[in-house]
Amino acid sequence: MVRVSVCDIPGAEFGITSDGFFELSDLPKKTAVVGAGYIAVELAGIMSELGSDVSLFIRHDKALRNFDEMISDNVTDSMEKSGITIVRQSTSKKLEVATDGSLTYETTAGTFSGFNCVIWAIGREPLTKSIKLENIVRFLIQVCSNTFIYDTKSITQNASETTGSECGQESNIVVDEFQNTSAQNVYALGDVCGKALLTPDKVLSTLLCDKRVIQLESSSSILHIRPLLSSLPPFFHPSLPPPLPPSLVFHSFCHRRGRRLAHRLFDNKPDLKLDYEDIPTVVFSHPPIGTIGLTEAEANAKYGKDKVKTYKASFSSLYFSMTERKQLTLMKLICVLPEEKVVGLHMQGQGCDEILQGFSVAIKMGATKKDFDNTVAIHPTTSEELVTLR
């Protein structure tokens, strides 16, 4: 499991995290969002669209710097055009409560006052340094036999000390492509592995030990136990409350990893694993972002700049034909010669979050630019631009 990071500065407790955002009962009149990642971008966009005066504080010159440069440049520009104030080259120094109850935020870029809410959105960190796995292991060994899945959410001590599993530089548990840790018969899933964090994989982080699969969820310090696979015999301790609905526990990416691991262990499918290549990603910014595969910089580094060819489009969709303010849609297709296999797709604009899913299937199957060209365009749509790029 992971937790939301908070700036290590005096007065940090006066701000809230992205978790606290969902507990707000009133819309803040003036909001500061600290961070440049997808959570910061999404929250800044939501608050601004709802009517709050939003300032986004970033440490560098633009947001989403790990995305394709076209996306990073455009999302920063579009936020400013929408009315969000972006404070660049900003490092936190202090957060104070003024006499009128408002918040004053001091940074290396200056001091800013009058905020009703400050949201920390600077990332998340693994809880492996405070996981106390040995107590859970002892409990499970007393209750059932050899193999378990258990959620690390409520457990406290270092995983490498208690399980013998190796932790990476950022305290992520190191796993191979089959979710094996460095400790025999111990497996790890979810954010705790530090892979594909911008996916539904975030929903669940678990550790697994061998032979019988049981999942533990923490809720107000009470542990819920239930079988991971419906084919396994049910096991419930009579003093424990009923389990949470499956929809609250699993989501697609981590669900797939968990089921593949279970099938390897119990269904005689030793080679079954999840492919991390070409995972589609959406940022629900305003407008939304859809991206899959390599950025242009990554493609150049991997294949060489002379073998990478890009196709771009920039336009205002028909959705805004009757509005005074025109919202830009940007698209980029990244191909590798000589076949012009599509290795990356990046776009931002109205509907790009929905458009991405279908094209992700094509890219996952190895589509080339010729395959895109041979597809009949549906007119008038935004998605037709992707099959008419020249």
Protein backbone atom coordinates (compact mmCIF):
# COMPACT_ATOMS: atom_id res chain seq x y z
CA MET A 1 0.00 0.00 0.00
CA VAL A 2 1.04 3.60 -0.43
CA ARG A 3 0.25 6.84 1.33
CA VAL A 4 -0.04 10.40 0.09
CA SER A 5 3.15 12.43 0.53
CA VAL A 6 3.03 15.78 2.32
CA CYS A 7 5.60 18.58 2.10
CA ASP A 8 8.05 18.45 4.99
CA ILE A 9 7.66 22.10 6.01
CA PRO A 10 6.36 24.01 9.05
CA GLY A 11 2.56 24.18 8.96
CA ALA A 12 2.12 21.32 6.47
CA GLU A 13 -0.71 19.98 8.66
CA PHE A 14 -2.86 22.98 7.69
CA GLY A 15 -3.07 21.65 4.16
CA ILE A 16 -4.99 18.60 2.98
CA THR A 17 -4.07 15.72 0.68
CA SER A 18 -5.88 14.41 -2.37
CA ASP A 19 -7.70 12.09 0.05
CA GLY A 20 -8.93 15.08 2.06
CA PHE A 21 -10.24 16.65 -1.14
CA PHE A 22 -13.10 14.14 -1.12
CA GLU A 23 -14.03 15.20 2.39
CA LEU A 24 -14.56 18.87 1.53
CA SER A 25 -18.11 19.98 2.31
CA ASP A 26 -17.85 23.44 0.73
CA LEU A 27 -16.10 24.79 -2.34
CA PRO A 28 -13.05 26.85 -1.30
CA LYS A 29 -13.12 30.34 -2.77
CA LYS A 30 -9.37 30.31 -3.36
CA THR A 31 -7.32 27.09 -3.67
CA ALA A 32 -3.64 26.27 -3.91
CA VAL A 33 -2.69 22.92 -5.43
CA VAL A 34 0.93 21.88 -4.92
CA GLY A 35 2.33 19.40 -7.41
CA ALA A 36 2.87 18.82 -11.13
CA GLY A 37 1.68 15.25 -11.56
CA TYR A 38 -1.61 13.89 -12.84
CA ILE A 39 -3.39 14.15 -9.47
CA ALA A 40 -2.41 17.80 -9.13
CA VAL A 41 -3.52 18.54 -12.70
CA GLU A 42 -6.86 16.77 -12.23
CA LEU A 43 -7.65 18.44 -8.90
CA ALA A 44 -6.65 21.88 -10.17
CA GLY A 45 -8.93 21.42 -13.17
CA ILE A 46 -11.87 20.21 -11.09
CA MET A 47 -11.62 23.04 -8.58
CA SER A 48 -11.27 25.63 -11.34
CA GLU A 49 -14.24 24.32 -13.32
CA LEU A 50 -16.34 24.40 -10.15
CA GLY A 51 -15.53 28.06 -9.69
CA SER A 52 -12.62 28.20 -7.26
CA ASP A 53 -9.74 30.61 -7.90
CA VAL A 54 -6.93 28.08 -8.36
CA SER A 55 -3.16 28.44 -8.24
CA LEU A 56 -0.98 25.48 -9.21
CA PHE A 57 2.52 25.46 -7.71
CA ILE A 58 5.11 23.46 -9.66
CA ARG A 59 8.86 23.01 -9.11
CA HIS A 60 9.80 23.28 -12.79
CA ASP A 61 8.42 25.07 -15.85
CA LYS A 62 5.56 22.76 -16.78
CA ALA A 63 3.25 20.05 -15.47
CA LEU A 64 3.28 16.34 -16.40
CA ARG A 65 6.96 16.42 -17.37
CA ASN A 66 7.07 12.61 -17.68
CA PHE A 67 4.50 12.70 -20.49
CA ASP A 68 5.23 13.41 -24.13
CA GLU A 69 6.54 16.93 -24.57
CA MET A 70 3.54 17.91 -26.69
CA ILE A 71 1.19 16.91 -23.87
CA SER A 72 3.28 18.53 -21.17
CA ASP A 73 3.48 21.83 -23.04
CA ASN A 74 -0.19 21.87 -23.98
CA VAL A 75 -1.64 20.90 -20.61
CA THR A 76 0.32 23.69 -18.93
CA ASP A 77 -0.76 26.20 -21.55
CA SER A 78 -4.41 25.10 -21.53
CA MET A 79 -4.61 25.36 -17.73
CA GLU A 80 -3.34 28.94 -17.85
CA LYS A 81 -5.78 29.83 -20.61
CA SER A 82 -8.62 28.39 -18.52
CA GLY A 83 -7.82 30.80 -15.67
CA ILE A 84 -5.56 28.68 -13.45
CA THR A 85 -2.54 30.60 -12.13
CA ILE A 86 0.64 28.55 -12.50
CA VAL A 87 3.52 29.43 -10.19
CA ARG A 88 6.72 28.00 -11.66
CA GLN A 89 10.07 27.22 -10.03
CA SER A 90 8.30 26.94 -6.70
CA THR A 91 9.60 24.97 -3.71
CA SER A 92 7.60 24.91 -0.47
CA LYS A 93 8.98 26.72 2.59
CA LYS A 94 6.15 27.36 5.04
CA LEU A 95 2.35 27.27 5.43
CA GLU A 96 0.69 29.53 8.01
CA VAL A 97 -2.81 30.36 9.18
CA ALA A 98 -3.53 34.10 9.08
CA THR A 99 -5.60 35.95 11.67
CA ASP A 100 -8.64 35.85 9.37
CA GLY A 101 -8.36 32.05 9.08
CA SER A 102 -6.99 32.06 5.55
CA LEU A 103 -3.76 30.30 4.61
CA THR A 104 -0.49 31.96 3.63
CA TYR A 105 1.87 29.83 1.55
CA GLU A 106 5.54 30.75 1.44
CA THR A 107 7.65 29.36 -1.39
CA THR A 108 10.96 30.08 -3.11
CA ALA A 109 8.91 31.86 -5.79
CA GLY A 110 7.34 34.23 -3.27
CA THR A 111 4.68 34.38 -0.57
CA PHE A 112 1.04 33.89 -1.53
CA SER A 113 -1.89 34.59 0.77
CA GLY A 114 -5.65 34.39 1.02
CA PHE A 115 -6.08 30.68 0.34
CA ASN A 116 -9.04 28.85 1.84
CA CYS A 117 -7.56 25.47 0.98
CA VAL A 118 -4.08 24.12 0.20
CA ILE A 119 -3.92 20.66 -1.38
CA TRP A 120 -0.71 18.61 -1.29
CA ALA A 121 -0.51 16.54 -4.51
CA ILE A 122 3.21 15.83 -4.65
CA GLY A 123 3.06 12.05 -5.00
CA ARG A 124 2.73 8.88 -3.00
CA GLU A 125 5.22 6.74 -1.13
CA PRO A 126 5.27 3.00 -0.35
CA LEU A 127 4.50 1.88 3.19
CA THR A 128 7.05 -0.90 3.12
CA LYS A 129 9.23 0.85 5.70
CA SER A 130 6.47 0.49 8.25
CA ILE A 131 4.92 -2.85 7.35
CA LYS A 132 4.71 -5.27 10.26
CA LEU A 133 4.24 -8.40 8.24
CA GLU A 134 5.42 -10.93 10.78
CA ASN A 135 2.34 -10.54 12.99
CA ILE A 136 0.00 -11.22 10.09
CA VAL A 137 2.07 -14.19 8.97
CA ARG A 138 1.95 -15.72 12.45
CA PHE A 139 -1.80 -15.19 12.61
CA LEU A 140 -2.41 -16.78 9.22
CA ILE A 141 -0.18 -19.73 9.94
CA GLN A 142 -2.26 -20.43 13.03
CA VAL A 143 -5.50 -20.24 11.09
CA CYS A 144 -4.74 -21.97 7.81
CA SER A 145 -2.00 -23.58 5.77
CA ASN A 146 1.01 -22.34 3.90
CA THR A 147 -0.10 -19.71 1.33
CA PHE A 148 -1.87 -16.37 1.66
CA ILE A 149 -2.52 -13.04 0.02
CA TYR A 150 -2.57 -10.23 2.54
CA ASP A 151 -3.06 -6.52 2.21
CA THR A 152 -0.17 -4.52 3.64
CA LYS A 153 -2.39 -1.55 4.46
CA SER A 154 -2.65 -2.00 8.21
CA ILE A 155 0.63 -3.72 8.96
CA THR A 156 3.78 -2.01 10.28
CA GLN A 157 7.51 -2.90 9.84
CA ASN A 158 10.04 -3.07 7.07
CA ALA A 159 9.18 -5.72 4.50
CA SER A 160 12.77 -6.58 3.77
CA GLU A 161 13.39 -7.37 7.43
CA THR A 162 10.25 -9.40 8.06
CA THR A 163 9.89 -11.36 4.81
CA GLY A 164 13.39 -11.31 3.36
CA SER A 165 12.07 -9.59 0.25
CA GLU A 166 14.19 -6.92 -1.40
CA CYS A 167 13.13 -3.26 -1.41
CA GLY A 168 14.15 -0.82 -4.14
CA GLN A 169 15.59 2.67 -3.77
CA GLU A 170 12.16 4.20 -3.16
CA SER A 171 11.10 1.40 -0.78
CA ASN A 172 9.17 -0.38 -3.52
CA ILE A 173 9.29 -4.17 -3.29
CA VAL A 174 11.38 -5.50 -6.17
CA VAL A 175 9.61 -8.12 -8.28
CA ASP A 176 10.23 -9.86 -11.59
CA GLU A 177 7.74 -10.26 -14.45
CA PHE A 178 5.98 -13.05 -12.54
CA GLN A 179 5.55 -10.96 -9.32
CA ASN A 180 8.25 -12.99 -7.51
CA THR A 181 10.11 -11.14 -4.77
CA SER A 182 13.63 -12.08 -3.71
CA ALA A 183 12.12 -14.19 -0.91
CA GLN A 184 11.04 -17.68 -1.94
CA ASN A 185 7.25 -18.18 -2.20
CA VAL A 186 6.55 -14.51 -1.47
CA TYR A 187 4.91 -12.41 -4.20
CA ALA A 188 3.94 -8.75 -4.44
CA LEU A 189 1.21 -6.94 -6.40
CA GLY A 190 0.06 -3.37 -6.77
CA ASP A 191 1.57 0.05 -6.03
CA VAL A 192 4.00 -1.49 -3.56
CA CYS A 193 5.94 -2.74 -6.62
CA GLY A 194 6.29 0.76 -8.05
CA LYS A 195 5.17 -0.23 -11.56
CA ALA A 196 2.42 1.33 -13.71
CA LEU A 197 1.20 3.65 -10.97
CA LEU A 198 -1.02 5.71 -13.27
CA THR A 199 -3.51 2.84 -13.76
CA PRO A 200 -6.25 1.11 -11.79
CA ASP A 201 -3.35 -0.96 -10.44
CA LYS A 202 -3.31 1.65 -7.64
CA VAL A 203 -6.43 0.20 -6.10
CA LEU A 204 -4.87 -2.75 -4.30
CA SER A 205 -1.43 -3.57 -2.93
CA THR A 206 -0.88 -7.04 -1.56
CA LEU A 207 1.77 -9.53 -0.61
CA LEU A 208 1.35 -13.21 -1.29
CA CYS A 209 2.69 -16.36 0.38
CA ASP A 210 2.20 -19.89 -1.05
CA LYS A 211 -0.56 -22.62 -1.17
CA ARG A 212 -3.91 -21.23 -0.15
CA VAL A 213 -4.93 -17.73 -1.26
CA ILE A 214 -6.61 -15.48 1.29
CA GLN A 215 -7.01 -11.74 1.04
CA LEU A 216 -6.94 -9.35 3.97
CA GLU A 217 -8.45 -5.88 3.83
CA SER A 218 -8.12 -3.30 6.57
CA SER A 219 -11.10 -1.24 7.69
CA SER A 220 -10.93 0.68 10.96
CA SER A 221 -8.28 -1.73 12.24
CA ILE A 222 -10.56 -4.74 11.57
CA LEU A 223 -9.27 -7.39 9.17
CA HIS A 224 -11.61 -8.86 6.57
CA ILE A 225 -10.62 -12.28 5.28
CA ARG A 226 -11.95 -13.94 2.14
CA PRO A 227 -10.79 -16.25 -0.67
CA LEU A 228 -9.33 -14.56 -3.71
CA LEU A 229 -10.73 -17.10 -6.17
CA SER A 230 -14.32 -18.27 -6.14
CA SER A 231 -13.11 -21.82 -6.80
CA LEU A 232 -11.34 -21.93 -3.45
CA PRO A 233 -13.24 -23.07 -0.36
CA PRO A 234 -14.63 -20.15 1.66
CA PHE A 235 -12.95 -19.25 4.91
CA PHE A 236 -14.36 -16.75 7.39
CA HIS A 237 -13.53 -16.27 11.02
CA PRO A 238 -16.88 -16.10 12.89
CA SER A 239 -15.91 -12.98 14.87
CA LEU A 240 -15.04 -10.93 11.77
CA PRO A 241 -17.49 -8.70 9.84
CA PRO A 242 -18.46 -9.63 6.25
CA PRO A 243 -16.05 -8.78 3.39
CA LEU A 244 -16.26 -5.64 1.30
CA PRO A 245 -17.91 -5.82 -2.14
CA PRO A 246 -15.48 -6.89 -4.88
CA SER A 247 -15.97 -3.57 -6.67
CA LEU A 248 -14.35 -1.77 -3.75
CA VAL A 249 -11.29 -4.00 -3.76
CA PHE A 250 -10.22 -4.95 -7.27
CA HIS A 251 -9.86 -2.91 -10.41
CA SER A 252 -8.79 -4.03 -13.85
CA PHE A 253 -4.99 -3.91 -13.90
CA CYS A 254 -4.23 -5.21 -10.41
CA HIS A 255 -7.14 -7.63 -10.72
CA ARG A 256 -5.53 -9.11 -13.82
CA ARG A 257 -2.15 -9.40 -12.14
CA GLY A 258 -3.69 -11.07 -9.09
CA ARG A 259 -5.68 -13.55 -11.13
CA ARG A 260 -2.71 -14.41 -13.32
CA LEU A 261 -0.60 -15.08 -10.24
CA ALA A 262 -3.36 -17.23 -8.76
CA HIS A 263 -3.69 -19.18 -12.01
CA ARG A 264 0.07 -19.77 -12.10
CA LEU A 265 -0.01 -21.12 -8.55
CA PHE A 266 -3.23 -23.10 -8.65
CA ASP A 267 -4.32 -23.64 -12.26
CA ASN A 268 -1.17 -25.15 -13.80
CA LYS A 269 -0.42 -22.12 -15.99
CA PRO A 270 3.21 -21.40 -15.06
CA ASP A 271 3.90 -19.03 -17.96
CA LEU A 272 0.88 -16.75 -17.47
CA LYS A 273 1.85 -13.15 -16.75
CA LEU A 274 0.74 -9.59 -17.40
CA ASP A 275 2.37 -7.57 -20.16
CA TYR A 276 3.44 -4.11 -19.03
CA GLU A 277 3.99 -2.86 -22.57
CA ASP A 278 1.51 -0.38 -24.03
CA ILE A 279 -0.70 0.26 -21.02
CA PRO A 280 -3.27 2.94 -21.95
CA THR A 281 -3.37 5.90 -19.59
CA VAL A 282 -5.87 8.70 -19.19
CA VAL A 283 -5.56 11.91 -17.21
CA PHE A 284 -8.93 13.46 -16.48
CA SER A 285 -7.73 16.99 -16.93
CA HIS A 286 -9.69 19.75 -18.68
CA PRO A 287 -9.56 18.78 -21.50
CA PRO A 288 -8.70 15.10 -20.91
CA ILE A 289 -5.48 13.41 -21.98
CA GLY A 290 -5.12 9.97 -23.55
CA THR A 291 -1.75 8.33 -24.02
CA ILE A 292 -0.28 4.90 -24.75
CA GLY A 293 3.19 3.63 -25.55
CA LEU A 294 6.44 5.53 -25.89
CA THR A 295 6.88 9.28 -25.85
CA GLU A 296 8.79 10.78 -28.75
CA ALA A 297 11.87 11.20 -26.55
CA GLU A 298 11.66 7.57 -25.39
CA ALA A 299 11.23 6.32 -28.96
CA ASN A 300 14.26 8.34 -30.12
CA ALA A 301 16.34 6.92 -27.28
CA LYS A 302 15.23 3.34 -27.93
CA TYR A 303 15.28 3.16 -31.74
CA GLY A 304 17.36 6.16 -32.82
CA LYS A 305 16.02 9.47 -34.05
CA ASP A 306 16.54 8.53 -37.71
CA LYS A 307 14.14 5.59 -37.37
CA VAL A 308 11.33 7.44 -35.64
CA LYS A 309 8.65 9.23 -37.62
CA THR A 310 5.89 11.29 -36.03
CA TYR A 311 2.54 12.47 -37.35
CA LYS A 312 0.75 15.37 -35.68
CA ALA A 313 -2.59 17.13 -35.82
CA SER A 314 -3.83 20.29 -34.13
CA PHE A 315 -7.39 21.54 -34.53
CA SER A 316 -10.51 22.77 -32.77
CA SER A 317 -13.24 20.13 -32.88
CA LEU A 318 -16.78 20.70 -34.09
CA TYR A 319 -17.89 20.49 -30.45
CA PHE A 320 -16.67 24.08 -30.08
CA SER A 321 -17.86 25.39 -33.44
CA MET A 322 -20.59 27.53 -31.83
CA THR A 323 -18.64 28.68 -28.78
CA GLU A 324 -16.64 31.86 -28.39
CA ARG A 325 -13.77 30.04 -26.70
CA LYS A 326 -12.14 27.42 -28.91
CA GLN A 327 -10.48 24.47 -27.20
CA LEU A 328 -7.53 22.93 -28.97
CA THR A 329 -7.22 19.21 -29.69
CA LEU A 330 -3.72 17.84 -30.21
CA MET A 331 -2.74 14.40 -31.51
CA LYS A 332 0.60 12.71 -32.12
CA LEU A 333 1.29 9.29 -33.61
CA ILE A 334 4.81 7.90 -33.12
CA CYS A 335 6.00 5.25 -35.60
CA VAL A 336 9.19 3.24 -36.10
CA LEU A 337 10.64 2.58 -39.54
CA PRO A 338 10.73 0.72 -41.81
CA GLU A 339 7.24 -0.73 -41.28
CA GLU A 340 6.08 2.38 -39.42
CA LYS A 341 4.83 0.30 -36.53
CA VAL A 342 2.90 2.51 -34.12
CA VAL A 343 4.77 2.62 -30.80
CA GLY A 344 3.11 5.66 -29.24
CA LEU A 345 -0.10 7.67 -29.35
CA HIS A 346 -0.63 10.88 -27.39
CA MET A 347 -3.58 13.24 -27.50
CA GLN A 348 -5.41 15.89 -25.53
CA GLY A 349 -8.82 17.29 -26.25
CA GLN A 350 -12.54 16.78 -25.92
CA GLY A 351 -13.30 13.03 -25.95
CA CYS A 352 -9.69 11.82 -26.09
CA ASP A 353 -10.21 9.76 -22.95
CA GLU A 354 -12.93 7.74 -24.68
CA ILE A 355 -11.15 7.57 -28.03
CA LEU A 356 -8.04 5.96 -26.56
CA GLN A 357 -9.48 2.56 -25.61
CA GLY A 358 -10.21 1.34 -29.13
CA PHE A 359 -6.93 2.54 -30.58
CA SER A 360 -5.12 0.90 -27.66
CA VAL A 361 -6.35 -2.49 -28.88
CA ALA A 362 -4.93 -1.81 -32.34
CA ILE A 363 -1.56 -0.65 -30.97
CA LYS A 364 -1.39 -3.61 -28.60
CA MET A 365 -1.90 -5.90 -31.62
CA GLY A 366 1.01 -4.28 -33.47
CA ALA A 367 -0.80 -1.89 -35.82
CA THR A 368 1.20 0.06 -38.37
CA LYS A 369 0.60 3.48 -39.92
CA LYS A 370 -0.64 1.66 -43.02
CA ASP A 371 -3.30 -0.09 -40.92
CA PHE A 372 -4.46 3.31 -39.68
CA ASP A 373 -4.47 4.68 -43.26
CA ASN A 374 -6.52 1.71 -44.51
CA THR A 375 -9.27 2.38 -41.95
CA VAL A 376 -12.25 4.33 -43.23
CA ALA A 377 -12.70 7.57 -41.31
CA ILE A 378 -15.98 8.25 -39.53
CA HIS A 379 -16.96 11.83 -40.34
CA PRO A 380 -17.45 14.19 -38.60
CA THR A 381 -15.60 12.95 -35.49
CA THR A 382 -12.46 13.82 -33.59
CA SER A 383 -11.15 10.26 -33.88
CA GLU A 384 -11.10 10.40 -37.70
CA GLU A 385 -8.01 12.58 -37.45
CA LEU A 386 -6.00 9.55 -36.30
CA VAL A 387 -6.70 7.61 -39.51
CA THR A 388 -6.15 10.61 -41.80
CA LEU A 389 -2.82 11.86 -40.44
CA ARG A 390 -0.36 12.89 -43.14
